[in-house]
């Protein structure tokens, strides 16, 4: 139930999340009926699964971050230093996620 509530809360504000992300230079793609969100900019790809609150930066699945909602995700992304994002070995592998 908790996961379902988290999903619904975030889906209701998807457009607001998209606008806020764009205001900070990120695009937002929402896949799989809202179960998989992808935030991108020139040097960072962040995948987020709202139901599990799992946030992964540049496909580093071994070092995920816990984020309950999209404002938390965006705050985390804005706190990532650009040099850290660019230095990730995963950054050069930015093919579209399906």
Protein backbone atom coordinates (compact mmCIF):
# COMPACT_ATOMS: atom_id res chain seq x y z
CA UNK A 1 0.00 0.00 0.00
CA UNK A 2 2.78 2.43 0.88
CA UNK A 3 4.41 1.88 -2.53
CA UNK A 4 1.09 2.38 -4.32
CA UNK A 5 0.50 5.66 -2.48
CA UNK A 6 4.00 6.84 -3.35
CA UNK A 7 3.42 6.00 -7.02
CA UNK A 8 0.09 7.83 -7.16
CA UNK A 9 1.42 10.93 -5.40
CA UNK A 10 4.22 11.26 -7.91
CA UNK A 11 2.15 10.48 -11.01
CA UNK A 12 -0.37 13.17 -10.12
CA UNK A 13 2.40 15.78 -10.22
CA UNK A 14 4.31 14.42 -13.23
CA UNK A 15 3.81 17.57 -15.32
CA UNK A 16 4.97 19.76 -12.45
CA UNK A 17 8.05 17.54 -12.10
CA UNK A 18 8.74 17.83 -15.83
CA UNK A 19 8.51 21.65 -15.71
CA UNK A 20 10.67 21.92 -12.60
CA UNK A 21 13.27 19.55 -14.06
CA UNK A 22 13.35 21.55 -17.31
CA UNK A 23 13.89 24.71 -15.30
CA UNK A 24 17.09 23.15 -13.98
CA UNK A 25 18.28 21.84 -17.35
CA UNK A 26 16.98 18.27 -17.08
CA UNK A 27 14.64 16.43 -19.38
CA UNK A 28 12.23 13.92 -17.87
CA UNK A 29 10.99 10.68 -19.39
CA UNK A 30 8.43 8.54 -17.60
CA UNK A 31 8.24 4.87 -18.61
CA UNK A 32 6.35 1.74 -17.64
CA UNK A 33 3.16 3.47 -16.45
CA UNK A 34 5.12 5.67 -14.05
CA UNK A 35 7.27 2.96 -12.53
CA UNK A 36 10.51 4.24 -14.11
CA UNK A 37 11.49 7.92 -14.37
CA UNK A 38 14.61 9.11 -16.20
CA UNK A 39 16.09 12.57 -15.62
CA UNK A 40 18.83 13.65 -18.08
CA UNK A 41 21.11 16.56 -18.77
CA UNK A 42 24.38 16.86 -20.69
CA UNK A 43 26.47 15.03 -18.08
CA UNK A 44 24.07 13.02 -15.93
CA UNK A 45 21.44 10.32 -16.32
CA UNK A 46 19.39 9.57 -13.24
CA UNK A 47 16.95 6.66 -13.10
CA UNK A 48 14.32 6.63 -10.39
CA UNK A 49 11.76 4.02 -9.41
CA UNK A 50 9.09 5.74 -7.27
CA UNK A 51 7.61 2.53 -5.87
CA UNK A 52 10.92 1.51 -4.29
CA UNK A 53 12.30 5.06 -3.85
CA UNK A 54 15.49 3.91 -5.60
CA UNK A 55 17.54 6.55 -7.43
CA UNK A 56 20.54 5.53 -9.55
CA UNK A 57 23.01 8.00 -11.03
CA UNK A 58 24.73 7.21 -14.33
CA UNK A 59 23.75 3.55 -14.16
CA UNK A 60 25.80 2.90 -11.04
CA UNK A 61 23.29 0.37 -9.71
CA UNK A 62 25.53 -0.69 -6.83
CA UNK A 63 25.38 2.77 -5.22
CA UNK A 64 21.77 3.86 -5.24
CA UNK A 65 20.21 6.73 -3.29
CA UNK A 66 16.91 6.62 -1.42
CA UNK A 67 14.45 9.29 -2.67
CA UNK A 68 10.74 9.15 -1.86
CA UNK A 69 9.43 11.77 -4.27
CA UNK A 70 10.48 13.77 -7.30
CA UNK A 71 11.36 16.94 -5.32
CA UNK A 72 13.82 14.81 -3.34
CA UNK A 73 15.19 13.39 -6.60
CA UNK A 74 15.67 16.86 -8.05
CA UNK A 75 17.32 18.13 -4.87
CA UNK A 76 19.73 15.20 -5.03
CA UNK A 77 20.49 15.87 -8.69
CA UNK A 78 21.15 19.54 -8.05
CA UNK A 79 23.57 18.56 -5.29
CA UNK A 80 25.65 16.36 -7.60
CA UNK A 81 28.90 18.07 -8.54
CA UNK A 82 29.35 18.30 -12.34
CA UNK A 83 32.90 16.94 -12.16
CA UNK A 84 31.65 13.85 -10.33
CA UNK A 85 28.98 13.26 -12.95
CA UNK A 86 31.41 13.71 -15.85
CA UNK A 87 34.05 11.46 -14.33
CA UNK A 88 31.72 8.49 -14.02
CA UNK A 89 32.69 5.63 -16.33
CA UNK A 90 28.99 5.18 -17.07
CA UNK A 91 28.57 8.70 -18.48
CA UNK A 92 29.87 7.76 -21.91
CA UNK A 93 27.21 5.08 -22.22
CA UNK A 94 24.09 7.22 -22.61
CA UNK A 95 22.10 5.28 -25.16
CA UNK A 96 18.32 5.65 -24.76
CA UNK A 97 16.79 3.61 -21.97
CA UNK A 98 13.81 1.48 -22.87
